[in-house]
Amino acid sequence: MSTCPVCLNPARRIAIGTAYDVLCKVCGPYIIGYPLAHFLERERFEKRHILSGYIRNRSEQGVKEQIKDKEDMETILDSVSEPSGPFEAIDLLLKYLRRKGGKASEPVQLENDYSIVFAKDRNEFDNYLRMAHELGYIEHRKGGRCYKLKTEGWLQLDKLDKLAEQEPSLEIKLEDAEGFLARIKKEIEASSLEEDFKEIALYDLEQAKLAYQSRAFKACIVMLGAVLEGLMLGTIRRPEVLQRIQTDPPKIVKELGLNDPQLADKIAGELGFEDYKNIIHHLMPDIEKLHVEGIQTFRNTIHPWKTAKEPAIYKDPSQTRAMVHLTSLQLLAQHILSWTP
């Protein structure tokens, strides 16, 4: 029997091309690239339980995760937040027992399921089981590690469900937002933007993340708009894009002087968000086919008149609204940064 590269428990492992197809009782099924698998087996790695918990929870959702390399792994780790304490872990346990035991609350055998609550090992998982038992949420049934929900456990789940109904945005978890932020960061780092623009965009993205974590959602959207402005300007300043602009110039660029050797700096110094948006639309007319929140909505968030005229949308954006902008920015960034003349 081989071992699981992630949790190091016994697992079935089959070589397929440049990766291993792994079936682990703890992590669930997943595919992992050779170099990453060998790295995890060889090195001491403190976040195994987070990676294992992510893979297992994705497996429970019917997704067989594919992790090609360290970059993929880091993106995952950036996007996942483990439970902040035992009570959040216990809530995950209760949800798992409900999912497996059904409405009839059938007993569930918990042999290799500690990763479902991001526990580091069985000992930590057993502590959660003991606490859940002491709280009256679960009961231990005869026949090994068999547990079922009690009335108090169902009442706790009912509280969690009602909380989600009262504020649907709570279902948009922080790790979801951080996943989008991590993917945008990856797009920026891999782009051909000037280093100064990369640095500024990454800083603004980090500020958007901090704002989101603080539930300052309008500030988050404003910073996402700053990121988008930097990506648009940085793309317009790329030498091959400037050449394209000079052969098919928008009106606003003509007015700056197409043959001016300082054209790139003039675009940066004399134009603004609205101009960059128009140039991007001129270069990439298919951008509207993305069917996401358009570039203009990022600008409208900081426009006082828009806030006054449409307060329901722009005055006090909700978490849901911030997530809409975040997912839109990911698609816009991918489209804009990968565009070639």
Protein backbone atom coordinates (compact mmCIF):
# COMPACT_ATOMS: atom_id res chain seq x y z
CA MET A 1 0.00 0.00 0.00
CA SER A 2 1.32 3.45 -0.94
CA THR A 3 0.93 6.59 1.17
CA CYS A 4 -1.11 9.74 0.61
CA PRO A 5 1.32 12.61 -0.12
CA VAL A 6 -0.94 15.06 1.73
CA CYS A 7 -1.87 13.36 5.01
CA LEU A 8 0.78 10.57 4.86
CA ASN A 9 -1.77 7.87 5.68
CA PRO A 10 -1.98 4.64 3.66
CA ALA A 11 -3.67 5.23 0.31
CA ARG A 12 -4.02 3.81 -3.17
CA ARG A 13 -1.86 5.71 -5.63
CA ILE A 14 -1.68 5.18 -9.40
CA ALA A 15 0.71 6.96 -11.76
CA ILE A 16 -1.06 8.66 -14.70
CA GLY A 17 1.13 10.70 -17.03
CA THR A 18 2.89 13.30 -14.91
CA ALA A 19 0.64 12.93 -11.86
CA TYR A 20 -0.66 10.51 -9.28
CA ASP A 21 -4.31 9.54 -9.00
CA VAL A 22 -4.77 9.16 -5.24
CA LEU A 23 -7.60 7.53 -3.30
CA CYS A 24 -7.19 8.29 0.40
CA LYS A 25 -9.65 7.34 3.16
CA VAL A 26 -8.87 10.61 4.96
CA CYS A 27 -8.53 13.14 2.11
CA GLY A 28 -10.76 11.46 -0.45
CA PRO A 29 -9.90 11.12 -4.16
CA TYR A 30 -7.65 13.68 -5.87
CA ILE A 31 -4.92 14.09 -8.49
CA ILE A 32 -1.51 15.57 -7.67
CA GLY A 33 1.55 16.34 -9.82
CA TYR A 34 4.70 14.25 -9.27
CA PRO A 35 7.01 17.05 -8.08
CA LEU A 36 4.49 18.36 -5.55
CA ALA A 37 3.73 14.86 -4.25
CA HIS A 38 7.44 14.16 -3.74
CA PHE A 39 7.92 17.54 -2.07
CA LEU A 40 5.12 16.87 0.42
CA GLU A 41 6.49 13.42 1.22
CA ARG A 42 10.00 14.72 1.70
CA GLU A 43 9.48 18.00 3.57
CA ARG A 44 7.95 18.94 6.90
CA PHE A 45 4.77 20.80 6.00
CA GLU A 46 2.69 22.56 8.66
CA LYS A 47 -0.47 23.03 6.60
CA ARG A 48 -1.19 19.42 5.65
CA HIS A 49 -4.44 19.43 7.61
CA ILE A 50 -5.69 22.50 5.72
CA LEU A 51 -4.89 21.00 2.32
CA SER A 52 -6.37 17.66 3.39
CA GLY A 53 -9.52 19.35 4.71
CA TYR A 54 -9.95 21.29 1.48
CA ILE A 55 -9.58 18.17 -0.69
CA ARG A 56 -11.96 16.17 1.51
CA ASN A 57 -14.64 18.87 1.57
CA ARG A 58 -14.38 19.28 -2.20
CA SER A 59 -14.73 15.51 -2.52
CA GLU A 60 -17.88 15.62 -0.40
CA GLN A 61 -19.22 18.15 -2.92
CA GLY A 62 -18.53 15.69 -5.74
CA VAL A 63 -15.36 17.41 -6.99
CA LYS A 64 -12.14 15.47 -7.57
CA GLU A 65 -9.50 18.12 -6.95
CA GLN A 66 -6.46 18.40 -9.27
CA ILE A 67 -3.35 20.01 -7.80
CA LYS A 68 -0.62 20.25 -10.41
CA ASP A 69 2.17 22.08 -8.59
CA LYS A 70 3.20 24.25 -5.66
CA GLU A 71 1.56 27.27 -7.23
CA ASP A 72 -1.79 25.47 -7.33
CA MET A 73 -1.30 24.40 -3.73
CA GLU A 74 -0.47 27.93 -2.57
CA THR A 75 -3.56 29.27 -4.35
CA ILE A 76 -5.69 26.72 -2.50
CA LEU A 77 -4.08 27.48 0.86
CA ASP A 78 -4.61 31.22 0.29
CA SER A 79 -8.30 30.57 -0.40
CA VAL A 80 -9.08 28.40 2.62
CA SER A 81 -9.68 29.45 6.19
CA GLU A 82 -9.69 26.67 8.76
CA PRO A 83 -12.22 26.91 11.62
CA SER A 84 -11.26 29.72 14.00
CA GLY A 85 -11.93 27.56 17.05
CA PRO A 86 -13.53 24.36 18.33
CA PHE A 87 -17.11 25.62 18.03
CA GLU A 88 -16.78 26.31 14.30
CA ALA A 89 -15.20 22.86 13.90
CA ILE A 90 -18.11 21.31 15.80
CA ASP A 91 -20.58 23.11 13.51
CA LEU A 92 -18.84 21.48 10.54
CA LEU A 93 -19.10 18.12 12.30
CA LEU A 94 -22.85 18.56 12.87
CA LYS A 95 -23.40 19.46 9.22
CA TYR A 96 -21.46 16.38 8.16
CA LEU A 97 -23.52 14.10 10.43
CA ARG A 98 -26.72 15.61 9.03
CA ARG A 99 -25.52 15.12 5.47
CA LYS A 100 -24.51 11.50 6.07
CA GLY A 101 -27.25 10.49 8.51
CA GLY A 102 -30.11 12.23 6.75
CA LYS A 103 -33.32 13.54 8.29
CA ALA A 104 -33.83 10.24 10.08
CA SER A 105 -30.58 10.91 11.94
CA GLU A 106 -29.10 7.52 11.16
CA PRO A 107 -25.88 6.69 13.06
CA VAL A 108 -22.70 7.56 11.14
CA GLN A 109 -19.41 5.70 11.43
CA LEU A 110 -16.54 8.18 11.90
CA GLU A 111 -13.34 6.27 11.19
CA ASN A 112 -11.28 8.39 8.82
CA ASP A 113 -13.25 11.61 8.76
CA TYR A 114 -11.15 13.99 10.85
CA SER A 115 -10.14 16.09 7.84
CA ILE A 116 -13.77 17.13 7.32
CA VAL A 117 -13.34 19.58 10.24
CA PHE A 118 -9.69 20.42 9.35
CA ALA A 119 -8.40 18.52 12.41
CA LYS A 120 -4.67 17.77 12.37
CA ASP A 121 -5.15 14.18 13.56
CA ARG A 122 -7.58 11.76 15.20
CA ASN A 123 -6.71 13.04 18.67
CA GLU A 124 -7.84 16.55 17.80
CA PHE A 125 -10.95 15.14 16.11
CA ASP A 126 -11.73 13.07 19.21
CA ASN A 127 -11.55 16.24 21.31
CA TYR A 128 -14.19 17.81 19.07
CA LEU A 129 -16.33 14.69 19.36
CA ARG A 130 -16.00 14.80 23.17
CA MET A 131 -16.95 18.49 23.27
CA ALA A 132 -19.92 17.94 20.94
CA HIS A 133 -21.03 15.08 23.22
CA GLU A 134 -20.67 17.25 26.35
CA LEU A 135 -22.73 20.00 24.68
CA GLY A 136 -25.48 17.44 24.11
CA TYR A 137 -25.23 17.69 20.32
CA ILE A 138 -24.36 14.06 19.56
CA GLU A 139 -24.50 10.63 21.14
CA HIS A 140 -22.14 7.69 20.82
CA ARG A 141 -23.74 4.47 19.65
CA LYS A 142 -22.51 0.97 20.27
CA GLY A 143 -20.32 -0.49 17.56
CA GLY A 144 -17.04 1.41 17.31
CA ARG A 145 -16.84 5.07 16.36
CA CYS A 146 -20.53 5.45 15.58
CA TYR A 147 -22.34 8.74 16.32
CA LYS A 148 -25.70 10.31 15.66
CA LEU A 149 -27.27 13.74 16.11
CA LYS A 150 -29.35 14.42 19.22
CA THR A 151 -32.12 16.99 19.59
CA GLU A 152 -29.69 19.67 20.76
CA GLY A 153 -27.56 19.04 17.67
CA TRP A 154 -30.58 19.51 15.41
CA LEU A 155 -31.46 22.72 17.27
CA GLN A 156 -27.93 24.06 16.70
CA LEU A 157 -28.18 23.23 13.00
CA ASP A 158 -31.56 24.97 12.91
CA LYS A 159 -29.96 28.09 14.41
CA LEU A 160 -27.22 28.01 11.77
CA ASP A 161 -29.78 27.60 8.99
CA LYS A 162 -31.91 30.48 10.28
CA LEU A 163 -28.87 32.71 10.58
CA ALA A 164 -28.07 32.00 6.94
CA GLU A 165 -31.69 32.76 5.95
CA GLN A 166 -31.73 36.05 7.85
CA GLU A 167 -28.53 37.20 6.17
CA PRO A 168 -27.93 35.25 2.95
CA SER A 169 -24.61 37.01 2.44
CA LEU A 170 -23.18 35.04 5.36
CA GLU A 171 -23.19 32.02 3.08
CA ILE A 172 -20.53 33.74 0.99
CA LYS A 173 -17.63 32.58 3.08
CA LEU A 174 -14.39 34.43 3.53
CA GLU A 175 -12.48 31.56 1.93
CA ASP A 176 -14.58 32.02 -1.24
CA ALA A 177 -13.56 35.67 -1.43
CA GLU A 178 -9.93 34.84 -0.71
CA GLY A 179 -10.02 32.25 -3.49
CA PHE A 180 -10.98 34.91 -6.03
CA LEU A 181 -8.39 37.31 -4.60
CA ALA A 182 -5.71 34.65 -4.88
CA ARG A 183 -6.60 33.97 -8.51
CA ILE A 184 -6.52 37.68 -9.36
CA LYS A 185 -3.12 37.93 -7.66
CA LYS A 186 -1.89 35.01 -9.74
CA GLU A 187 -3.09 36.69 -12.96
CA ILE A 188 -1.27 39.92 -12.07
CA GLU A 189 1.98 38.19 -11.10
CA ALA A 190 2.03 36.20 -14.35
CA SER A 191 1.21 39.22 -16.54
CA SER A 192 3.57 41.26 -18.71
CA LEU A 193 2.78 44.54 -16.94
CA GLU A 194 5.62 46.83 -15.92
CA GLU A 195 6.95 45.86 -12.49
CA ASP A 196 5.86 49.17 -10.93
CA PHE A 197 2.29 48.57 -12.07
CA LYS A 198 2.34 45.00 -10.79
CA GLU A 199 3.55 46.18 -7.39
CA ILE A 200 0.88 48.87 -7.13
CA ALA A 201 -1.92 46.54 -8.28
CA LEU A 202 -0.87 43.84 -5.81
CA TYR A 203 -0.76 46.39 -2.98
CA ASP A 204 -4.26 47.66 -3.85
CA LEU A 205 -5.49 44.06 -4.05
CA GLU A 206 -4.14 43.38 -0.56
CA GLN A 207 -5.94 46.49 0.70
CA ALA A 208 -9.17 45.20 -0.87
CA LYS A 209 -8.66 41.92 0.96
CA LEU A 210 -8.16 43.68 4.31
CA ALA A 211 -11.27 45.77 3.72
CA TYR A 212 -13.32 42.67 2.91
CA GLN A 213 -12.09 40.89 6.02
CA SER A 214 -13.14 43.94 8.07
CA ARG A 215 -16.59 43.90 6.38
CA ALA A 216 -15.87 47.37 4.94
CA PHE A 217 -17.42 46.33 1.64
CA LYS A 218 -17.59 49.75 -0.04
CA ALA A 219 -13.90 50.27 0.72
CA CYS A 220 -13.24 46.82 -0.73
CA ILE A 221 -15.04 47.69 -3.97
CA VAL A 222 -13.22 51.04 -4.20
CA MET A 223 -9.86 49.26 -3.93
CA LEU A 224 -10.94 46.68 -6.51
CA GLY A 225 -11.67 49.65 -8.79
CA ALA A 226 -8.15 50.92 -8.15
CA VAL A 227 -6.78 47.51 -9.12
CA LEU A 228 -8.83 47.53 -12.31
CA GLU A 229 -7.65 51.05 -13.21
CA GLY A 230 -4.03 49.95 -12.79
CA LEU A 231 -4.56 46.85 -14.92
CA MET A 232 -6.18 48.87 -17.71
CA LEU A 233 -3.46 51.52 -17.71
CA GLY A 234 -0.68 48.96 -17.43
CA THR A 235 -2.09 47.03 -20.38
CA ILE A 236 -2.50 50.17 -22.52
CA ARG A 237 1.16 51.08 -21.86
CA ARG A 238 2.50 47.73 -23.09
CA PRO A 239 4.68 48.46 -26.20
CA GLU A 240 2.76 46.13 -28.53
CA VAL A 241 -0.56 47.61 -27.36
CA LEU A 242 0.67 51.16 -27.92
CA GLN A 243 1.67 50.18 -31.46
CA ARG A 244 -1.85 48.88 -32.06
CA ILE A 245 -3.34 52.09 -30.65
CA GLN A 246 -1.18 54.19 -32.97
CA THR A 247 -2.48 52.31 -36.02
CA ASP A 248 -6.12 52.42 -34.88
CA PRO A 249 -6.34 55.24 -32.32
CA PRO A 250 -9.35 56.21 -30.21
CA LYS A 251 -10.17 59.92 -30.41
CA ILE A 252 -8.85 60.71 -26.93
CA VAL A 253 -5.40 59.30 -27.80
CA LYS A 254 -5.25 61.20 -31.11
CA GLU A 255 -5.61 64.42 -29.16
CA LEU A 256 -2.46 63.58 -27.15
CA GLY A 257 -0.34 63.29 -30.31
CA LEU A 258 0.26 59.84 -31.74
CA ASN A 259 3.90 60.49 -32.63
CA ASP A 260 4.84 61.93 -29.26
CA PRO A 261 7.68 59.80 -27.80
CA GLN A 262 6.15 60.43 -24.38
CA LEU A 263 2.75 59.07 -25.41
CA ALA A 264 2.73 56.33 -22.76
CA ASP A 265 3.47 58.84 -19.99
CA LYS A 266 0.89 61.29 -21.36
CA ILE A 267 -1.77 58.58 -21.29
CA ALA A 268 -0.86 57.88 -17.67
CA GLY A 269 -0.63 61.53 -16.60
CA GLU A 270 -3.41 63.23 -18.53
CA LEU A 271 -6.12 60.59 -18.84
CA GLY A 272 -8.25 58.91 -16.17
CA PHE A 273 -10.44 55.91 -15.40
CA GLU A 274 -13.17 56.79 -17.89
CA ASP A 275 -10.60 57.28 -20.69
CA TYR A 276 -8.86 53.99 -19.92
CA LYS A 277 -12.24 52.25 -19.98
CA ASN A 278 -13.04 53.70 -23.42
CA ILE A 279 -9.63 52.72 -24.80
CA ILE A 280 -10.03 49.17 -23.46
CA HIS A 281 -13.50 48.92 -25.03
CA HIS A 282 -12.05 50.24 -28.31
CA LEU A 283 -9.32 47.59 -28.25
CA MET A 284 -11.45 44.74 -26.90
CA PRO A 285 -15.07 45.18 -28.05
CA ASP A 286 -15.80 41.59 -27.07
CA ILE A 287 -15.25 42.36 -23.38
CA GLU A 288 -19.00 42.92 -22.91
CA LYS A 289 -19.58 39.27 -23.84
CA LEU A 290 -18.24 38.31 -20.42
CA HIS A 291 -21.69 39.23 -19.03
CA VAL A 292 -20.27 40.46 -15.72
CA GLU A 293 -20.45 43.73 -13.82
CA GLY A 294 -18.97 46.13 -16.38
CA ILE A 295 -15.94 48.34 -15.89
CA GLN A 296 -18.17 51.38 -15.31
CA THR A 297 -19.76 49.93 -12.16
CA PHE A 298 -16.38 50.02 -10.40
CA ARG A 299 -16.14 53.75 -11.16
CA ASN A 300 -19.75 54.42 -10.12
CA THR A 301 -19.07 53.15 -6.60
CA ILE A 302 -16.96 56.23 -5.80
CA HIS A 303 -19.13 58.69 -7.78
CA PRO A 304 -21.11 60.90 -5.32
CA TRP A 305 -23.90 61.62 -7.79
CA LYS A 306 -24.40 57.93 -8.53
CA THR A 307 -24.51 57.23 -4.78
CA ALA A 308 -27.15 59.95 -4.34
CA LYS A 309 -29.24 58.81 -7.32
CA GLU A 310 -28.97 55.05 -6.73
CA PRO A 311 -28.33 54.59 -3.00
CA ALA A 312 -29.66 51.04 -2.98
CA ILE A 313 -26.79 50.00 -5.23
CA TYR A 314 -23.91 52.31 -4.37
CA LYS A 315 -24.42 53.85 -0.91
CA ASP A 316 -23.84 50.87 1.39
CA PRO A 317 -22.85 47.82 -0.67
CA SER A 318 -23.50 44.43 0.94
CA GLN A 319 -21.16 41.48 1.13
CA THR A 320 -23.02 39.96 -1.79
CA ARG A 321 -22.37 43.11 -3.84
CA ALA A 322 -18.67 43.00 -2.96
CA MET A 323 -18.52 39.37 -4.10
CA VAL A 324 -20.17 40.29 -7.41
CA HIS A 325 -17.46 42.89 -8.01
CA LEU A 326 -14.78 40.45 -6.92
CA THR A 327 -15.87 37.71 -9.30
CA SER A 328 -16.28 40.28 -12.09
CA LEU A 329 -12.78 41.64 -11.50
CA GLN A 330 -11.31 38.17 -11.80
CA LEU A 331 -12.88 37.69 -15.24
CA LEU A 332 -12.04 41.22 -16.38
CA ALA A 333 -8.43 40.88 -15.19
CA GLN A 334 -8.03 37.56 -16.96
CA HIS A 335 -9.45 38.98 -20.19
CA ILE A 336 -7.54 42.28 -20.14
CA LEU A 337 -4.14 40.88 -19.06
CA SER A 338 -4.21 38.00 -21.55
CA TRP A 339 -5.24 40.18 -24.51
CA THR A 340 -2.80 40.48 -27.39
CA PRO A 341 -3.15 42.77 -30.44
